[in-house]
Amino acid sequence: MIDSLDPESNEIQALILVPSRELAIQIEQVIRTMGSGYKVNAVYGGRPMSKDKIELNTYLQF
């Protein structure tokens, strides 16, 4: 999937839905450690939404 993304685009290009929080965190960590250069954020329940809103807003502002 990462190979099909456009590195020049500032728009959100992918959404990965997974059945568990742990898998979401693991995928986020793997993409970050790959050094792809893409911004990645795991959003899941059980924590304050304020942090997610701030992080997602930084992705939408360009």
Protein backbone atom coordinates (compact mmCIF):
# COMPACT_ATOMS: atom_id res chain seq x y z
CA MET A 1 0.00 0.00 0.00
CA ILE A 2 2.79 2.45 0.88
CA ASP A 3 4.25 2.05 -2.61
CA SER A 4 1.00 3.31 -4.13
CA LEU A 5 1.00 6.59 -2.13
CA ASP A 6 2.04 9.90 -3.69
CA PRO A 7 4.89 11.43 -1.65
CA GLU A 8 4.13 14.86 -3.16
CA SER A 9 0.52 14.91 -1.90
CA ASN A 10 -0.44 16.77 1.28
CA GLU A 11 -3.82 15.05 1.49
CA ILE A 12 -4.79 12.05 3.58
CA GLN A 13 -4.20 9.10 1.28
CA ALA A 14 -5.00 6.02 3.32
CA LEU A 15 -7.12 4.74 6.18
CA ILE A 16 -6.32 1.38 7.72
CA LEU A 17 -9.04 -0.15 9.87
CA VAL A 18 -8.03 -2.89 12.29
CA PRO A 19 -9.93 -4.84 14.96
CA SER A 20 -7.77 -3.95 17.96
CA ARG A 21 -5.94 -1.07 19.60
CA GLU A 22 -2.76 -3.12 19.88
CA LEU A 23 -2.69 -3.83 16.15
CA ALA A 24 -3.31 -0.14 15.36
CA ILE A 25 -0.36 0.86 17.55
CA GLN A 26 1.85 -1.83 16.02
CA ILE A 27 1.05 -0.71 12.47
CA GLU A 28 1.73 2.92 13.40
CA GLN A 29 5.11 1.99 14.88
CA VAL A 30 6.13 -0.14 11.90
CA ILE A 31 5.30 2.59 9.39
CA ARG A 32 7.25 5.15 11.45
CA THR A 33 10.31 2.89 11.80
CA MET A 34 10.30 2.12 8.08
CA GLY A 35 11.36 5.71 7.49
CA SER A 36 8.75 6.17 4.78
CA GLY A 37 8.46 9.90 5.47
CA TYR A 38 4.68 9.71 5.65
CA LYS A 39 2.77 11.04 8.64
CA VAL A 40 0.92 8.30 10.48
CA ASN A 41 -1.45 8.41 13.43
CA ALA A 42 -3.29 5.62 15.25
CA VAL A 43 -6.70 6.72 16.49
CA TYR A 44 -8.48 4.42 18.91
CA GLY A 45 -10.83 4.47 21.88
CA GLY A 46 -9.95 4.53 25.53
CA ARG A 47 -7.94 7.75 25.55
CA PRO A 48 -8.76 11.47 25.37
CA MET A 49 -9.88 12.63 21.93
CA SER A 50 -8.17 16.00 22.32
CA LYS A 51 -4.74 14.60 21.39
CA ASP A 52 -6.18 12.87 18.31
CA LYS A 53 -7.93 16.07 17.20
CA ILE A 54 -4.70 18.07 17.47
CA GLU A 55 -2.69 15.47 15.55
CA LEU A 56 -5.30 15.08 12.82
CA ASN A 57 -5.62 18.85 12.42
CA THR A 58 -1.87 19.12 11.77
CA TYR A 59 -2.31 16.67 8.89
CA LEU A 60 -5.12 18.67 7.38
CA GLN A 61 -3.29 22.01 7.49
CA PHE A 62 -0.86 22.59 4.65
